[in-house]
């Protein structure tokens, strides 16, 4: 799965943003029974190999993106579009 920031802007702006994203990933993994053996986090995108026994990949990514975007918007005290396009 690949997801990119809106207008290719950075989505991991602060020092611990990638760490927070990984925390959301761990929570989502437990909730939806998913495994992520390979993860690449760049400033404006992430790539992950998603393994799940259910056909719930879109639900997992939607939950992950929503949780991280909500935290990002609260920390910046404004609402912005975050991730663009579909999931590849």
PDB file of N, CA and C in Angstrom:
ATOM      1  N   UNK A   1       0.846  -1.165   0.000  1.00  0.00           N
ATOM      2  CA  UNK A   1       0.000   0.000   0.000  1.00  0.00           C
ATOM      3  C   UNK A   1       0.896   1.234   0.000  1.00  0.00           C
ATOM      4  N   UNK A   2       0.485   2.242  -0.720  1.00  0.00           N
ATOM      5  CA  UNK A   2       1.200   3.506  -0.773  1.00  0.00           C
ATOM      6  C   UNK A   2       0.201   4.623  -0.565  1.00  0.00           C
ATOM      7  N   UNK A   3       0.574   5.602   0.213  1.00  0.00           N
ATOM      8  CA  UNK A   3      -0.283   6.758   0.423  1.00  0.00           C
ATOM      9  C   UNK A   3       0.596   8.000   0.472  1.00  0.00           C
ATOM     10  N   UNK A   4       0.185   9.039  -0.249  1.00  0.00           N
ATOM     11  CA  UNK A   4       0.997  10.248  -0.385  1.00  0.00           C
ATOM     12  C   UNK A   4       0.266  11.441   0.207  1.00  0.00           C
ATOM     13  N   UNK A   5       1.029  12.394   0.721  1.00  0.00           N
ATOM     14  CA  UNK A   5       0.465  13.622   1.248  1.00  0.00           C
ATOM     15  C   UNK A   5      -0.142  14.490   0.159  1.00  0.00           C
ATOM     16  N   UNK A   6      -1.137  15.276   0.512  1.00  0.00           N
ATOM     17  CA  UNK A   6      -1.800  16.180  -0.413  1.00  0.00           C
ATOM     18  C   UNK A   6      -0.785  17.124  -1.041  1.00  0.00           C
ATOM     19  N   UNK A   7      -0.852  17.286  -2.355  1.00  0.00           N
ATOM     20  CA  UNK A   7       0.068  18.130  -3.119  1.00  0.00           C
ATOM     21  C   UNK A   7       1.531  17.764  -2.878  1.00  0.00           C
ATOM     22  N   UNK A   8       1.754  16.526  -2.527  1.00  0.00           N
ATOM     23  CA  UNK A   8       3.102  16.003  -2.239  1.00  0.00           C
ATOM     24  C   UNK A   8       3.800  16.748  -1.090  1.00  0.00           C
ATOM     25  N   UNK A   9       2.998  17.362  -0.236  1.00  0.00           N
ATOM     26  CA  UNK A   9       3.550  18.060   0.927  1.00  0.00           C
ATOM     27  C   UNK A   9       3.895  17.049   2.014  1.00  0.00           C
ATOM     28  N   UNK A  10       4.794  17.450   2.884  1.00  0.00           N
ATOM     29  CA  UNK A  10       5.206  16.577   3.988  1.00  0.00           C
ATOM     30  C   UNK A  10       4.040  16.329   4.934  1.00  0.00           C
ATOM     31  N   UNK A  11       3.913  15.103   5.399  1.00  0.00           N
ATOM     32  CA  UNK A  11       2.896  14.749   6.386  1.00  0.00           C
ATOM     33  C   UNK A  11       3.529  14.410   7.736  1.00  0.00           C
ATOM     34  N   UNK A  12       4.829  14.278   7.758  1.00  0.00           N
ATOM     35  CA  UNK A  12       5.558  14.023   9.000  1.00  0.00           C
ATOM     36  C   UNK A  12       6.423  15.255   9.275  1.00  0.00           C
ATOM     37  N   UNK A  13       5.822  16.258   9.918  1.00  0.00           N
ATOM     38  CA  UNK A  13       6.487  17.554  10.072  1.00  0.00           C
ATOM     39  C   UNK A  13       7.330  17.684  11.330  1.00  0.00           C
ATOM     40  N   UNK A  14       6.902  17.072  12.414  1.00  0.00           N
ATOM     41  CA  UNK A  14       7.623  17.225  13.674  1.00  0.00           C
ATOM     42  C   UNK A  14       8.490  15.997  13.933  1.00  0.00           C
ATOM     43  N   UNK A  15       9.402  16.140  14.829  1.00  0.00           N
ATOM     44  CA  UNK A  15      10.398  15.106  15.090  1.00  0.00           C
ATOM     45  C   UNK A  15       9.777  13.751  15.406  1.00  0.00           C
ATOM     46  N   UNK A  16       8.775  13.728  16.244  1.00  0.00           N
ATOM     47  CA  UNK A  16       8.208  12.448  16.659  1.00  0.00           C
ATOM     48  C   UNK A  16       6.980  12.039  15.846  1.00  0.00           C
ATOM     49  N   UNK A  17       6.710  12.680  14.713  1.00  0.00           N
ATOM     50  CA  UNK A  17       5.530  12.371  13.907  1.00  0.00           C
ATOM     51  C   UNK A  17       5.572  10.943  13.358  1.00  0.00           C
ATOM     52  N   UNK A  18       6.729  10.508  12.903  1.00  0.00           N
ATOM     53  CA  UNK A  18       6.835   9.148  12.376  1.00  0.00           C
ATOM     54  C   UNK A  18       6.625   8.124  13.489  1.00  0.00           C
ATOM     55  N   UNK A  19       7.102   8.451  14.665  1.00  0.00           N
ATOM     56  CA  UNK A  19       6.903   7.571  15.815  1.00  0.00           C
ATOM     57  C   UNK A  19       5.418   7.484  16.169  1.00  0.00           C
ATOM     58  N   UNK A  20       4.720   8.618  16.139  1.00  0.00           N
ATOM     59  CA  UNK A  20       3.280   8.628  16.398  1.00  0.00           C
ATOM     60  C   UNK A  20       2.543   7.806  15.347  1.00  0.00           C
ATOM     61  N   UNK A  21       2.944   7.950  14.093  1.00  0.00           N
ATOM     62  CA  UNK A  21       2.323   7.179  13.023  1.00  0.00           C
ATOM     63  C   UNK A  21       2.515   5.681  13.272  1.00  0.00           C
ATOM     64  N   UNK A  22       3.706   5.281  13.675  1.00  0.00           N
ATOM     65  CA  UNK A  22       3.967   3.869  13.962  1.00  0.00           C
ATOM     66  C   UNK A  22       3.139   3.376  15.141  1.00  0.00           C
ATOM     67  N   UNK A  23       2.885   4.245  16.125  1.00  0.00           N
ATOM     68  CA  UNK A  23       1.992   3.884  17.236  1.00  0.00           C
ATOM     69  C   UNK A  23       0.576   3.625  16.723  1.00  0.00           C
ATOM     70  N   UNK A  24       0.074   4.494  15.844  1.00  0.00           N
ATOM     71  CA  UNK A  24      -1.248   4.277  15.243  1.00  0.00           C
ATOM     72  C   UNK A  24      -1.254   2.989  14.421  1.00  0.00           C
ATOM     73  N   UNK A  25      -0.174   2.720  13.736  1.00  0.00           N
ATOM     74  CA  UNK A  25      -0.068   1.496  12.948  1.00  0.00           C
ATOM     75  C   UNK A  25      -0.144   0.260  13.846  1.00  0.00           C
ATOM     76  N   UNK A  26       0.530   0.297  14.977  1.00  0.00           N
ATOM     77  CA  UNK A  26       0.499  -0.828  15.921  1.00  0.00           C
ATOM     78  C   UNK A  26      -0.912  -1.040  16.473  1.00  0.00           C
ATOM     79  N   UNK A  27      -1.583   0.040  16.826  1.00  0.00           N
ATOM     80  CA  UNK A  27      -2.954  -0.048  17.344  1.00  0.00           C
ATOM     81  C   UNK A  27      -3.893  -0.609  16.286  1.00  0.00           C
ATOM     82  N   UNK A  28      -3.762  -0.101  15.068  1.00  0.00           N
ATOM     83  CA  UNK A  28      -4.596  -0.574  13.973  1.00  0.00           C
ATOM     84  C   UNK A  28      -4.323  -2.042  13.675  1.00  0.00           C
ATOM     85  N   UNK A  29      -3.061  -2.436  13.759  1.00  0.00           N
ATOM     86  CA  UNK A  29      -2.670  -3.820  13.520  1.00  0.00           C
ATOM     87  C   UNK A  29      -3.359  -4.758  14.504  1.00  0.00           C
ATOM     88  N   UNK A  30      -3.379  -4.386  15.764  1.00  0.00           N
ATOM     89  CA  UNK A  30      -4.028  -5.200  16.787  1.00  0.00           C
ATOM     90  C   UNK A  30      -5.538  -5.241  16.587  1.00  0.00           C
ATOM     91  N   UNK A  31      -6.108  -4.099  16.252  1.00  0.00           N
ATOM     92  CA  UNK A  31      -7.563  -4.002  16.101  1.00  0.00           C
ATOM     93  C   UNK A  31      -8.080  -4.815  14.919  1.00  0.00           C
ATOM     94  N   UNK A  32      -7.358  -4.802  13.807  1.00  0.00           N
ATOM     95  CA  UNK A  32      -7.830  -5.447  12.584  1.00  0.00           C
ATOM     96  C   UNK A  32      -7.049  -6.706  12.209  1.00  0.00           C
ATOM     97  N   UNK A  33      -6.194  -7.171  13.093  1.00  0.00           N
ATOM     98  CA  UNK A  33      -5.434  -8.394  12.863  1.00  0.00           C
ATOM     99  C   UNK A  33      -4.611  -8.317  11.576  1.00  0.00           C
ATOM    100  N   UNK A  34      -3.816  -7.262  11.472  1.00  0.00           N
ATOM    101  CA  UNK A  34      -2.968  -7.081  10.305  1.00  0.00           C
ATOM    102  C   UNK A  34      -1.499  -7.166  10.672  1.00  0.00           C
ATOM    103  N   UNK A  35      -0.694  -7.537   9.699  1.00  0.00           N
ATOM    104  CA  UNK A  35       0.757  -7.581   9.874  1.00  0.00           C
ATOM    105  C   UNK A  35       1.396  -6.640   8.865  1.00  0.00           C
ATOM    106  N   UNK A  36       2.460  -5.972   9.268  1.00  0.00           N
ATOM    107  CA  UNK A  36       3.164  -5.027   8.414  1.00  0.00           C
ATOM    108  C   UNK A  36       4.651  -5.354   8.428  1.00  0.00           C
ATOM    109  N   UNK A  37       5.076  -6.372   7.658  1.00  0.00           N
ATOM    110  CA  UNK A  37       6.479  -6.786   7.724  1.00  0.00           C
ATOM    111  C   UNK A  37       7.465  -5.778   7.133  1.00  0.00           C
ATOM    112  N   UNK A  38       6.994  -4.910   6.244  1.00  0.00           N
ATOM    113  CA  UNK A  38       7.882  -3.914   5.636  1.00  0.00           C
ATOM    114  C   UNK A  38       7.192  -2.555   5.635  1.00  0.00           C
ATOM    115  N   UNK A  39       7.890  -1.550   6.156  1.00  0.00           N
ATOM    116  CA  UNK A  39       7.341  -0.199   6.234  1.00  0.00           C
ATOM    117  C   UNK A  39       8.423   0.787   5.811  1.00  0.00           C
ATOM    118  N   UNK A  40       8.059   1.729   4.953  1.00  0.00           N
ATOM    119  CA  UNK A  40       8.954   2.826   4.577  1.00  0.00           C
ATOM    120  C   UNK A  40       8.209   4.117   4.839  1.00  0.00           C
ATOM    121  N   UNK A  41       8.777   4.970   5.675  1.00  0.00           N
ATOM    122  CA  UNK A  41       8.189   6.274   5.968  1.00  0.00           C
ATOM    123  C   UNK A  41       9.085   7.353   5.390  1.00  0.00           C
ATOM    124  N   UNK A  42       8.533   8.145   4.498  1.00  0.00           N
ATOM    125  CA  UNK A  42       9.242   9.303   3.957  1.00  0.00           C
ATOM    126  C   UNK A  42       8.519  10.544   4.445  1.00  0.00           C
ATOM    127  N   UNK A  43       9.083  11.701   4.188  1.00  0.00           N
ATOM    128  CA  UNK A  43       8.454  12.913   4.690  1.00  0.00           C
ATOM    129  C   UNK A  43       7.054  13.140   4.133  1.00  0.00           C
ATOM    130  N   UNK A  44       6.808  12.757   2.876  1.00  0.00           N
ATOM    131  CA  UNK A  44       5.514  13.042   2.278  1.00  0.00           C
ATOM    132  C   UNK A  44       4.714  11.794   1.887  1.00  0.00           C
ATOM    133  N   UNK A  45       5.196  10.624   2.216  1.00  0.00           N
ATOM    134  CA  UNK A  45       4.492   9.407   1.826  1.00  0.00           C
ATOM    135  C   UNK A  45       4.876   8.249   2.734  1.00  0.00           C
ATOM    136  N   UNK A  46       4.052   7.223   2.699  1.00  0.00           N
ATOM    137  CA  UNK A  46       4.460   5.981   3.344  1.00  0.00           C
ATOM    138  C   UNK A  46       4.135   4.814   2.418  1.00  0.00           C
ATOM    139  N   UNK A  47       4.912   3.763   2.571  1.00  0.00           N
ATOM    140  CA  UNK A  47       4.730   2.526   1.820  1.00  0.00           C
ATOM    141  C   UNK A  47       4.726   1.411   2.852  1.00  0.00           C
ATOM    142  N   UNK A  48       3.775   0.507   2.732  1.00  0.00           N
ATOM    143  CA  UNK A  48       3.796  -0.635   3.638  1.00  0.00           C
ATOM    144  C   UNK A  48       3.252  -1.865   2.950  1.00  0.00           C
ATOM    145  N   UNK A  49       3.816  -2.981   3.323  1.00  0.00           N
ATOM    146  CA  UNK A  49       3.322  -4.274   2.884  1.00  0.00           C
ATOM    147  C   UNK A  49       2.329  -4.716   3.940  1.00  0.00           C
ATOM    148  N   UNK A  50       1.109  -4.929   3.527  1.00  0.00           N
ATOM    149  CA  UNK A  50       0.024  -5.239   4.455  1.00  0.00           C
ATOM    150  C   UNK A  50      -0.403  -6.685   4.271  1.00  0.00           C
ATOM    151  N   UNK A  51      -0.376  -7.448   5.355  1.00  0.00           N
ATOM    152  CA  UNK A  51      -0.840  -8.825   5.332  1.00  0.00           C
ATOM    153  C   UNK A  51      -1.972  -8.958   6.335  1.00  0.00           C
ATOM    154  N   UNK A  52      -3.087  -9.495   5.866  1.00  0.00           N
ATOM    155  CA  UNK A  52      -4.231  -9.709   6.742  1.00  0.00           C
ATOM    156  C   UNK A  52      -4.988 -10.952   6.287  1.00  0.00           C
ATOM    157  N   UNK A  53      -5.610 -11.633   7.222  1.00  0.00           N
ATOM    158  CA  UNK A  53      -6.369 -12.834   6.876  1.00  0.00           C
ATOM    159  C   UNK A  53      -7.767 -12.482   6.379  1.00  0.00           C
ATOM    160  N   UNK A  54      -8.179 -11.251   6.560  1.00  0.00           N
ATOM    161  CA  UNK A  54      -9.490 -10.792   6.105  1.00  0.00           C
ATOM    162  C   UNK A  54      -9.325  -9.867   4.905  1.00  0.00           C
ATOM    163  N   UNK A  55     -10.386  -9.626   4.222  1.00  0.00           N
ATOM    164  CA  UNK A  55     -10.359  -8.704   3.083  1.00  0.00           C
ATOM    165  C   UNK A  55     -10.709  -7.298   3.572  1.00  0.00           C
ATOM    166  N   UNK A  56      -9.924  -6.787   4.519  1.00  0.00           N
ATOM    167  CA  UNK A  56     -10.247  -5.497   5.131  1.00  0.00           C
ATOM    168  C   UNK A  56      -9.126  -4.471   4.979  1.00  0.00           C
ATOM    169  N   UNK A  57      -8.358  -4.568   3.908  1.00  0.00           N
ATOM    170  CA  UNK A  57      -7.227  -3.672   3.718  1.00  0.00           C
ATOM    171  C   UNK A  57      -7.654  -2.203   3.678  1.00  0.00           C
ATOM    172  N   UNK A  58      -8.708  -1.901   2.941  1.00  0.00           N
ATOM    173  CA  UNK A  58      -9.155  -0.506   2.846  1.00  0.00           C
ATOM    174  C   UNK A  58      -9.623   0.029   4.189  1.00  0.00           C
ATOM    175  N   UNK A  59     -10.273  -0.803   4.967  1.00  0.00           N
ATOM    176  CA  UNK A  59     -10.725  -0.394   6.298  1.00  0.00           C
ATOM    177  C   UNK A  59      -9.521  -0.096   7.200  1.00  0.00           C
ATOM    178  N   UNK A  60      -8.496  -0.902   7.101  1.00  0.00           N
ATOM    179  CA  UNK A  60      -7.282  -0.698   7.895  1.00  0.00           C
ATOM    180  C   UNK A  60      -6.623   0.626   7.520  1.00  0.00           C
ATOM    181  N   UNK A  61      -6.434   0.866   6.228  1.00  0.00           N
ATOM    182  CA  UNK A  61      -5.777   2.091   5.778  1.00  0.00           C
ATOM    183  C   UNK A  61      -6.624   3.313   6.104  1.00  0.00           C
ATOM    184  N   UNK A  62      -7.935   3.211   5.929  1.00  0.00           N
ATOM    185  CA  UNK A  62      -8.824   4.327   6.256  1.00  0.00           C
ATOM    186  C   UNK A  62      -8.711   4.683   7.745  1.00  0.00           C
ATOM    187  N   UNK A  63      -8.706   3.688   8.611  1.00  0.00           N
ATOM    188  CA  UNK A  63      -8.585   3.925  10.051  1.00  0.00           C
ATOM    189  C   UNK A  63      -7.235   4.553  10.389  1.00  0.00           C
ATOM    190  N   UNK A  64      -6.178   4.026   9.805  1.00  0.00           N
ATOM    191  CA  UNK A  64      -4.837   4.534  10.052  1.00  0.00           C
ATOM    192  C   UNK A  64      -4.712   5.990   9.605  1.00  0.00           C
ATOM    193  N   UNK A  65      -5.134   6.280   8.389  1.00  0.00           N
ATOM    194  CA  UNK A  65      -5.043   7.645   7.869  1.00  0.00           C
ATOM    195  C   UNK A  65      -5.919   8.616   8.656  1.00  0.00           C
ATOM    196  N   UNK A  66      -7.117   8.193   9.012  1.00  0.00           N
ATOM    197  CA  UNK A  66      -8.028   9.059   9.758  1.00  0.00           C
ATOM    198  C   UNK A  66      -7.483   9.401  11.141  1.00  0.00           C
ATOM    199  N   UNK A  67      -6.967   8.401  11.833  1.00  0.00           N
ATOM    200  CA  UNK A  67      -6.430   8.632  13.179  1.00  0.00           C
ATOM    201  C   UNK A  67      -5.228   9.571  13.137  1.00  0.00           C
ATOM    202  N   UNK A  68      -4.323   9.333  12.195  1.00  0.00           N
ATOM    203  CA  UNK A  68      -3.140  10.185  12.113  1.00  0.00           C
ATOM    204  C   UNK A  68      -3.503  11.602  11.671  1.00  0.00           C
ATOM    205  N   UNK A  69      -4.395  11.730  10.696  1.00  0.00           N
ATOM    206  CA  UNK A  69      -4.809  13.058  10.209  1.00  0.00           C
ATOM    207  C   UNK A  69      -5.512  13.854  11.312  1.00  0.00           C
ATOM    208  N   UNK A  70      -6.352  13.202  12.097  1.00  0.00           N
ATOM    209  CA  UNK A  70      -7.044  13.892  13.195  1.00  0.00           C
ATOM    210  C   UNK A  70      -6.037  14.422  14.214  1.00  0.00           C
ATOM    211  N   UNK A  71      -5.051  13.606  14.577  1.00  0.00           N
ATOM    212  CA  UNK A  71      -4.022  14.042  15.528  1.00  0.00           C
ATOM    213  C   UNK A  71      -3.214  15.186  14.938  1.00  0.00           C
ATOM    214  N   UNK A  72      -2.878  15.102  13.665  1.00  0.00           N
ATOM    215  CA  UNK A  72      -2.111  16.142  12.994  1.00  0.00           C
ATOM    216  C   UNK A  72      -2.875  17.466  13.009  1.00  0.00           C
ATOM    217  N   UNK A  73      -4.159  17.421  12.667  1.00  0.00           N
ATOM    218  CA  UNK A  73      -4.965  18.638  12.624  1.00  0.00           C
ATOM    219  C   UNK A  73      -5.153  19.252  14.007  1.00  0.00           C
ATOM    220  N   UNK A  74      -5.309  18.440  15.035  1.00  0.00           N
ATOM    221  CA  UNK A  74      -5.441  18.955  16.398  1.00  0.00           C
ATOM    222  C   UNK A  74      -4.143  19.622  16.841  1.00  0.00           C
ATOM    223  N   UNK A  75      -3.018  19.003  16.524  1.00  0.00           N
ATOM    224  CA  UNK A  75      -1.734  19.565  16.957  1.00  0.00           C
ATOM    225  C   UNK A  75      -1.414  20.877  16.240  1.00  0.00           C
ATOM    226  N   UNK A  76      -1.960  21.079  15.049  1.00  0.00           N
ATOM    227  CA  UNK A  76      -1.703  22.310  14.302  1.00  0.00           C
ATOM    228  C   UNK A  76      -2.838  23.308  14.435  1.00  0.00           C
ATOM    229  N   UNK A  77      -3.889  22.945  15.161  1.00  0.00           N
ATOM    230  CA  UNK A  77      -5.089  23.761  15.398  1.00  0.00           C
ATOM    231  C   UNK A  77      -5.731  24.270  14.113  1.00  0.00           C
ATOM    232  N   UNK A  78      -5.609  23.504  13.059  1.00  0.00           N
ATOM    233  CA  UNK A  78      -6.364  23.802  11.847  1.00  0.00           C
ATOM    234  C   UNK A  78      -6.586  22.512  11.087  1.00  0.00           C
ATOM    235  N   UNK A  79      -7.582  22.537  10.233  1.00  0.00           N
ATOM    236  CA  UNK A  79      -7.944  21.346   9.490  1.00  0.00           C
ATOM    237  C   UNK A  79      -7.435  21.457   8.059  1.00  0.00           C
ATOM    238  N   UNK A  80      -6.699  20.462   7.626  1.00  0.00           N
ATOM    239  CA  UNK A  80      -6.184  20.431   6.261  1.00  0.00           C
ATOM    240  C   UNK A  80      -6.460  19.060   5.660  1.00  0.00           C
ATOM    241  N   UNK A  81      -6.548  19.023   4.331  1.00  0.00           N
ATOM    242  CA  UNK A  81      -6.603  17.730   3.663  1.00  0.00           C
ATOM    243  C   UNK A  81      -5.232  17.102   3.819  1.00  0.00           C
ATOM    244  N   UNK A  82      -5.230  15.814   3.989  1.00  0.00           N
ATOM    245  CA  UNK A  82      -3.995  15.189   4.380  1.00  0.00           C
ATOM    246  C   UNK A  82      -3.435  14.243   3.339  1.00  0.00           C
ATOM    247  N   UNK A  83      -4.115  13.148   3.136  1.00  0.00           N
ATOM    248  CA  UNK A  83      -3.680  12.170   2.150  1.00  0.00           C
ATOM    249  C   UNK A  83      -4.555  12.292   0.914  1.00  0.00           C
ATOM    250  N   UNK A  84      -3.976  12.079  -0.263  1.00  0.00           N
ATOM    251  CA  UNK A  84      -4.728  12.255  -1.489  1.00  0.00           C
ATOM    252  C   UNK A  84      -4.875  10.942  -2.236  1.00  0.00           C
ATOM    253  N   UNK A  85      -5.835  10.921  -3.132  1.00  0.00           N
ATOM    254  CA  UNK A  85      -5.987   9.790  -4.036  1.00  0.00           C
ATOM    255  C   UNK A  85      -6.361   8.495  -3.340  1.00  0.00           C
ATOM    256  N   UNK A  86      -6.387   7.467  -4.151  1.00  0.00           N
ATOM    257  CA  UNK A  86      -6.690   6.147  -3.621  1.00  0.00           C
ATOM    258  C   UNK A  86      -5.458   5.484  -3.053  1.00  0.00           C
ATOM    259  N   UNK A  87      -5.627   4.268  -2.651  1.00  0.00           N
ATOM    260  CA  UNK A  87      -4.514   3.499  -2.101  1.00  0.00           C
ATOM    261  C   UNK A  87      -4.004   2.600  -3.197  1.00  0.00           C
ATOM    262  N   UNK A  88      -2.716   2.504  -3.321  1.00  0.00           N
ATOM    263  CA  UNK A  88      -2.134   1.651  -4.359  1.00  0.00           C
ATOM    264  C   UNK A  88      -1.481   0.461  -3.720  1.00  0.00           C
TER     265      UNK A  88
END
